Structures are given as structure tokens and as C-alpha cells.
Amino acid sequence: MDEVPGNDELPVAHPRMVAGKVDGMAGQIKEGLGLGGPVESKTGGINPLPCGNGADREEVRRTDPPDTNPYLQPWFVDYSPFMMTVNTWVSVRSEAEATAALTRLSERLSGTGWRITAFNRPAGGTWQLRVAAPEKGYGAVLEAPIAGEGTEQRIGLDVSSPCFRHPDEERA
């Protein structure tokens, strides 16, 4: 059995910077769908998650008071290692519009350095588009159509970062 490497091998990054990158990538993807100003989830957004080797997870305590209450910031993380995700959806009128938007997006992202790792529809399932960002470890998964309220159809979007160590970890 392969041994899980310790978290000391992970790169260090501030959660605010990682959250900004993930949010920017989500914006690029939503724009690349070519749907104009789509209606999207009001509850989705940036979410931190623990990752890495759980046995080596560290609590992070800030030694300097923040400018604002960190608990109100979407990037706030008090553990290390962490990753950031954006989970949201955009509304489309039909399955055909969803499929066309995913096809358009795959072409646009391919032209800007993203790598399409999968674009398929399992029998009886939904379309899935998996993409790897130009920056190593970042990526996204889109899925459509997903039934919304009434006759609404949606494209689900999850963007994620790789695993990082928190820069304040050493001061914990």
C-alpha cells in the first residue's frame, strides 16, 4: 500500500489568494458558457474545505488581529491544509441550450490553455464536462441538465483548487 505523504510537501498559499483564483476561474467559465447574464444560484459561492493527510491537520490561530471579522469572509480558514471550491449553478431554458453552452465552453476554454479531461454523457445520465485549468491542480466540473424549479433546467458548476498549507500554520 502506498504511504500518504505528509502535509509538509504541500505548497503554502493564503486562503484569500486561493479563493480569488477559484472565484475568477468560475467567472471565466460562466462567461465562456455564452449565456449572457444568466440567473444563478444565490446560495452558491466560495467554500473552504479541509484536505490532505488528516492525521497531520493543524489548527491555525491568527497572531495579528484582522482588519475585519474573518468569520464574515468567504475565504476564512482556521485549519491547514485547505482547498477552496466554488459551487453554483446557472439557469438555462432547455436541455438543448445546456448542451450548446457546454460545447461552446469547451471550445473557448481549449483556446485559452485549459485542458478538457472529459466531455461525455453516460447512458441515461447528464452531460459532464471536466476541465483542468492552465494553473496546475485547479479544475472544474460542469453537469447538465439538472432539473430546477418547475420546468427550469440548470448547469451545475464546481470549481476547485489544489490542496495548500495555510501561511499562519507555523505560528499555531
C-alpha atoms as a PDB file:
ATOM      1  CA  MET A   1       0.000   0.000   0.000  1.00  0.00           C
ATOM      2  CA  ASP A   2       1.310   3.467  -0.888  1.00  0.00           C
ATOM      3  CA  GLU A   3       2.036   5.752   2.025  1.00  0.00           C
ATOM      4  CA  VAL A   4       0.157   9.061   2.102  1.00  0.00           C
ATOM      5  CA  PRO A   5       2.719  11.891   2.007  1.00  0.00           C
ATOM      6  CA  GLY A   6       2.677  14.386   4.870  1.00  0.00           C
ATOM      7  CA  ASN A   7       1.261  17.847   4.506  1.00  0.00           C
ATOM      8  CA  ASP A   8       4.756  19.367   4.684  1.00  0.00           C
ATOM      9  CA  GLU A   9       5.040  18.574   0.954  1.00  0.00           C
ATOM     10  CA  LEU A  10       2.128  20.861   0.077  1.00  0.00           C
ATOM     11  CA  PRO A  11       2.687  24.406  -1.217  1.00  0.00           C
ATOM     12  CA  VAL A  12       1.840  27.344   1.052  1.00  0.00           C
ATOM     13  CA  ALA A  13      -0.743  29.947  -0.022  1.00  0.00           C
ATOM     14  CA  HIS A  14      -3.047  32.415   1.704  1.00  0.00           C
ATOM     15  CA  PRO A  15      -6.724  31.396   1.552  1.00  0.00           C
ATOM     16  CA  ARG A  16      -7.702  34.868   0.271  1.00  0.00           C
ATOM     17  CA  MET A  17      -5.439  34.434  -2.780  1.00  0.00           C
ATOM     18  CA  VAL A  18      -6.680  30.900  -3.490  1.00  0.00           C
ATOM     19  CA  ALA A  19     -10.327  31.977  -3.094  1.00  0.00           C
ATOM     20  CA  GLY A  20      -9.724  34.840  -5.535  1.00  0.00           C
ATOM     21  CA  LYS A  21      -8.284  32.485  -8.143  1.00  0.00           C
ATOM     22  CA  VAL A  22     -11.125  29.985  -7.816  1.00  0.00           C
ATOM     23  CA  ASP A  23     -13.728  32.759  -7.976  1.00  0.00           C
ATOM     24  CA  GLY A  24     -12.017  34.254 -11.048  1.00  0.00           C
ATOM     25  CA  MET A  25     -11.985  30.876 -12.783  1.00  0.00           C
ATOM     26  CA  ALA A  26     -15.687  30.410 -12.016  1.00  0.00           C
ATOM     27  CA  GLY A  27     -16.348  33.819 -13.588  1.00  0.00           C
ATOM     28  CA  GLN A  28     -14.333  32.885 -16.682  1.00  0.00           C
ATOM     29  CA  ILE A  29     -16.310  29.661 -17.013  1.00  0.00           C
ATOM     30  CA  LYS A  30     -19.707  31.354 -16.574  1.00  0.00           C
ATOM     31  CA  GLU A  31     -18.745  33.931 -19.209  1.00  0.00           C
ATOM     32  CA  GLY A  32     -17.496  31.154 -21.518  1.00  0.00           C
ATOM     33  CA  LEU A  33     -20.890  29.462 -21.431  1.00  0.00           C
ATOM     34  CA  GLY A  34     -22.092  32.381 -23.567  1.00  0.00           C
ATOM     35  CA  LEU A  35     -25.480  32.675 -21.883  1.00  0.00           C
ATOM     36  CA  GLY A  36     -25.453  36.437 -21.404  1.00  0.00           C
ATOM     37  CA  GLY A  37     -26.385  37.387 -17.855  1.00  0.00           C
ATOM     38  CA  PRO A  38     -27.653  34.033 -16.601  1.00  0.00           C
ATOM     39  CA  VAL A  39     -29.716  33.588 -13.477  1.00  0.00           C
ATOM     40  CA  GLU A  40     -27.549  31.757 -10.975  1.00  0.00           C
ATOM     41  CA  SER A  41     -27.597  30.302  -7.507  1.00  0.00           C
ATOM     42  CA  LYS A  42     -27.810  32.830  -4.686  1.00  0.00           C
ATOM     43  CA  THR A  43     -26.575  30.282  -2.153  1.00  0.00           C
ATOM     44  CA  GLY A  44     -23.513  29.052  -4.036  1.00  0.00           C
ATOM     45  CA  GLY A  45     -20.182  30.679  -3.587  1.00  0.00           C
ATOM     46  CA  ILE A  46     -16.676  30.215  -2.271  1.00  0.00           C
ATOM     47  CA  ASN A  47     -16.260  27.423   0.249  1.00  0.00           C
ATOM     48  CA  PRO A  48     -13.115  26.248   2.053  1.00  0.00           C
ATOM     49  CA  LEU A  49     -12.664  22.532   2.680  1.00  0.00           C
ATOM     50  CA  PRO A  50     -10.085  20.545   4.640  1.00  0.00           C
ATOM     51  CA  CYS A  51      -7.834  18.310   2.568  1.00  0.00           C
ATOM     52  CA  GLY A  52      -4.519  16.477   2.686  1.00  0.00           C
ATOM     53  CA  ASN A  53      -3.471  13.976   5.292  1.00  0.00           C
ATOM     54  CA  GLY A  54      -6.000  14.370   8.112  1.00  0.00           C
ATOM     55  CA  ALA A  55      -3.591  12.954  10.679  1.00  0.00           C
ATOM     56  CA  ASP A  56      -1.306  15.938  10.031  1.00  0.00           C
ATOM     57  CA  ARG A  57      -4.043  18.615  10.036  1.00  0.00           C
ATOM     58  CA  GLU A  58      -3.173  21.708  12.079  1.00  0.00           C
ATOM     59  CA  GLU A  59      -5.357  24.331  13.705  1.00  0.00           C
ATOM     60  CA  VAL A  60      -4.399  27.860  12.668  1.00  0.00           C
ATOM     61  CA  ARG A  61      -4.658  30.750  15.101  1.00  0.00           C
ATOM     62  CA  ARG A  62      -4.042  34.248  13.852  1.00  0.00           C
ATOM     63  CA  THR A  63      -1.435  36.165  15.805  1.00  0.00           C
ATOM     64  CA  ASP A  64      -2.320  39.549  14.282  1.00  0.00           C
ATOM     65  CA  PRO A  65      -5.855  40.946  14.549  1.00  0.00           C
ATOM     66  CA  PRO A  66      -7.539  41.059  11.125  1.00  0.00           C
ATOM     67  CA  ASP A  67      -8.847  44.301   9.615  1.00  0.00           C
ATOM     68  CA  THR A  68     -12.342  42.824   9.562  1.00  0.00           C
ATOM     69  CA  ASN A  69     -14.018  39.920  11.283  1.00  0.00           C
ATOM     70  CA  PRO A  70     -12.526  36.963   9.380  1.00  0.00           C
ATOM     71  CA  TYR A  71     -15.567  34.794  10.031  1.00  0.00           C
ATOM     72  CA  LEU A  72     -17.504  37.051   7.654  1.00  0.00           C
ATOM     73  CA  GLN A  73     -15.047  36.485   4.803  1.00  0.00           C
ATOM     74  CA  PRO A  74     -15.753  33.608   2.374  1.00  0.00           C
ATOM     75  CA  TRP A  75     -12.053  32.739   2.338  1.00  0.00           C
ATOM     76  CA  PHE A  76     -11.658  32.434   6.135  1.00  0.00           C
ATOM     77  CA  VAL A  77      -9.912  29.186   7.107  1.00  0.00           C
ATOM     78  CA  ASP A  78      -8.735  28.233  10.586  1.00  0.00           C
ATOM     79  CA  TYR A  79      -7.150  24.906   9.650  1.00  0.00           C
ATOM     80  CA  SER A  80      -4.354  23.673   7.425  1.00  0.00           C
ATOM     81  CA  PRO A  81      -4.227  22.183   4.847  1.00  0.00           C
ATOM     82  CA  PHE A  82      -7.203  23.561   2.942  1.00  0.00           C
ATOM     83  CA  MET A  83      -8.639  23.857  -0.544  1.00  0.00           C
ATOM     84  CA  MET A  84     -11.207  26.259  -1.997  1.00  0.00           C
ATOM     85  CA  THR A  85     -14.239  25.474  -4.113  1.00  0.00           C
ATOM     86  CA  VAL A  86     -16.985  27.418  -5.845  1.00  0.00           C
ATOM     87  CA  ASN A  87     -20.259  25.523  -6.091  1.00  0.00           C
ATOM     88  CA  THR A  88     -23.029  27.181  -8.072  1.00  0.00           C
ATOM     89  CA  TRP A  89     -25.394  26.736 -10.984  1.00  0.00           C
ATOM     90  CA  VAL A  90     -26.700  28.776 -13.893  1.00  0.00           C
ATOM     91  CA  SER A  91     -30.182  28.585 -15.327  1.00  0.00           C
ATOM     92  CA  VAL A  92     -30.883  27.584 -18.951  1.00  0.00           C
ATOM     93  CA  ARG A  93     -34.146  27.308 -20.876  1.00  0.00           C
ATOM     94  CA  SER A  94     -33.705  23.780 -22.200  1.00  0.00           C
ATOM     95  CA  GLU A  95     -31.508  20.712 -22.408  1.00  0.00           C
ATOM     96  CA  ALA A  96     -30.506  21.801 -25.923  1.00  0.00           C
ATOM     97  CA  GLU A  97     -29.353  25.210 -24.619  1.00  0.00           C
ATOM     98  CA  ALA A  98     -27.375  23.496 -21.839  1.00  0.00           C
ATOM     99  CA  THR A  99     -25.650  21.141 -24.285  1.00  0.00           C
ATOM    100  CA  ALA A 100     -24.841  24.004 -26.683  1.00  0.00           C
ATOM    101  CA  ALA A 101     -23.423  26.076 -23.799  1.00  0.00           C
ATOM    102  CA  LEU A 102     -21.159  23.217 -22.651  1.00  0.00           C
ATOM    103  CA  THR A 103     -19.926  22.660 -26.214  1.00  0.00           C
ATOM    104  CA  ARG A 104     -19.249  26.392 -26.644  1.00  0.00           C
ATOM    105  CA  LEU A 105     -17.419  26.490 -23.307  1.00  0.00           C
ATOM    106  CA  SER A 106     -15.209  23.502 -24.139  1.00  0.00           C
ATOM    107  CA  GLU A 107     -14.127  25.201 -27.378  1.00  0.00           C
ATOM    108  CA  ARG A 108     -13.465  28.549 -25.676  1.00  0.00           C
ATOM    109  CA  LEU A 109     -11.524  27.057 -22.759  1.00  0.00           C
ATOM    110  CA  SER A 110      -9.418  24.868 -25.070  1.00  0.00           C
ATOM    111  CA  GLY A 111      -8.336  28.037 -26.852  1.00  0.00           C
ATOM    112  CA  THR A 112      -7.139  29.648 -23.604  1.00  0.00           C
ATOM    113  CA  GLY A 113      -4.929  26.886 -22.211  1.00  0.00           C
ATOM    114  CA  TRP A 114      -7.494  24.839 -20.312  1.00  0.00           C
ATOM    115  CA  ARG A 115      -7.433  21.088 -20.948  1.00  0.00           C
ATOM    116  CA  ILE A 116     -10.650  19.143 -21.494  1.00  0.00           C
ATOM    117  CA  THR A 117     -10.244  15.924 -19.499  1.00  0.00           C
ATOM    118  CA  ALA A 118     -13.727  14.528 -20.185  1.00  0.00           C
ATOM    119  CA  PHE A 119     -16.842  15.549 -22.074  1.00  0.00           C
ATOM    120  CA  ASN A 120     -19.429  12.802 -22.181  1.00  0.00           C
ATOM    121  CA  ARG A 121     -22.887  11.666 -21.252  1.00  0.00           C
ATOM    122  CA  PRO A 122     -23.168   8.285 -19.567  1.00  0.00           C
ATOM    123  CA  ALA A 123     -26.189   6.264 -20.698  1.00  0.00           C
ATOM    124  CA  GLY A 124     -29.256   7.716 -19.029  1.00  0.00           C
ATOM    125  CA  GLY A 125     -27.184  10.348 -17.220  1.00  0.00           C
ATOM    126  CA  THR A 126     -26.342  14.010 -17.562  1.00  0.00           C
ATOM    127  CA  TRP A 127     -23.660  15.653 -19.679  1.00  0.00           C
ATOM    128  CA  GLN A 128     -20.399  16.104 -17.782  1.00  0.00           C
ATOM    129  CA  LEU A 129     -17.589  18.439 -18.794  1.00  0.00           C
ATOM    130  CA  ARG A 130     -14.371  18.139 -16.778  1.00  0.00           C
ATOM    131  CA  VAL A 131     -11.619  20.687 -17.353  1.00  0.00           C
ATOM    132  CA  ALA A 132      -8.149  21.278 -15.925  1.00  0.00           C
ATOM    133  CA  ALA A 133      -7.057  24.906 -15.623  1.00  0.00           C
ATOM    134  CA  PRO A 134      -3.742  26.156 -17.015  1.00  0.00           C
ATOM    135  CA  GLU A 135      -2.520  26.518 -13.415  1.00  0.00           C
ATOM    136  CA  LYS A 136      -1.638  23.093 -12.022  1.00  0.00           C
ATOM    137  CA  GLY A 137      -4.176  21.486  -9.708  1.00  0.00           C
ATOM    138  CA  TYR A 138      -7.097  23.823 -10.417  1.00  0.00           C
ATOM    139  CA  GLY A 139     -10.077  22.485 -12.329  1.00  0.00           C
ATOM    140  CA  ALA A 140     -13.820  22.395 -12.812  1.00  0.00           C
ATOM    141  CA  VAL A 141     -16.703  20.020 -13.364  1.00  0.00           C
ATOM    142  CA  LEU A 142     -19.905  21.087 -15.097  1.00  0.00           C
ATOM    143  CA  GLU A 143     -23.006  18.948 -15.296  1.00  0.00           C
ATOM    144  CA  ALA A 144     -26.217  19.456 -17.275  1.00  0.00           C
ATOM    145  CA  PRO A 145     -29.098  19.360 -17.450  1.00  0.00           C
ATOM    146  CA  ILE A 146     -30.062  19.370 -13.799  1.00  0.00           C
ATOM    147  CA  ALA A 147     -33.747  19.889 -13.061  1.00  0.00           C
ATOM    148  CA  GLY A 148     -34.533  23.175 -11.330  1.00  0.00           C
ATOM    149  CA  GLU A 149     -37.826  24.600 -10.144  1.00  0.00           C
ATOM    150  CA  GLY A 150     -40.765  23.842 -12.427  1.00  0.00           C
ATOM    151  CA  THR A 151     -39.503  23.453 -15.986  1.00  0.00           C
ATOM    152  CA  GLU A 152     -36.200  25.220 -15.300  1.00  0.00           C
ATOM    153  CA  GLN A 153     -33.001  23.474 -16.346  1.00  0.00           C
ATOM    154  CA  ARG A 154     -29.601  24.201 -14.802  1.00  0.00           C
ATOM    155  CA  ILE A 155     -25.919  23.739 -15.462  1.00  0.00           C
ATOM    156  CA  GLY A 156     -24.132  22.777 -12.245  1.00  0.00           C
ATOM    157  CA  LEU A 157     -20.637  24.216 -11.773  1.00  0.00           C
ATOM    158  CA  ASP A 158     -17.949  23.169  -9.275  1.00  0.00           C
ATOM    159  CA  VAL A 159     -14.501  24.796  -9.437  1.00  0.00           C
ATOM    160  CA  SER A 160     -11.756  23.654  -7.079  1.00  0.00           C
ATOM    161  CA  SER A 161      -8.195  24.425  -6.106  1.00  0.00           C
ATOM    162  CA  PRO A 162      -5.445  22.027  -5.167  1.00  0.00           C
ATOM    163  CA  CYS A 163      -4.568  21.477  -1.518  1.00  0.00           C
ATOM    164  CA  PHE A 164      -2.451  24.170   0.240  1.00  0.00           C
ATOM    165  CA  ARG A 165      -0.907  24.743   3.633  1.00  0.00           C
ATOM    166  CA  HIS A 166      -2.001  27.910   5.440  1.00  0.00           C
ATOM    167  CA  PRO A 167       0.800  30.514   5.827  1.00  0.00           C
ATOM    168  CA  ASP A 168      -0.115  31.044   9.506  1.00  0.00           C
ATOM    169  CA  GLU A 169       0.271  27.332  10.256  1.00  0.00           C
ATOM    170  CA  GLU A 170       3.833  27.727  11.573  1.00  0.00           C
ATOM    171  CA  ARG A 171       2.582  30.244  14.165  1.00  0.00           C
ATOM    172  CA  ALA A 172      -0.120  27.968  15.518  1.00  0.00           C
END
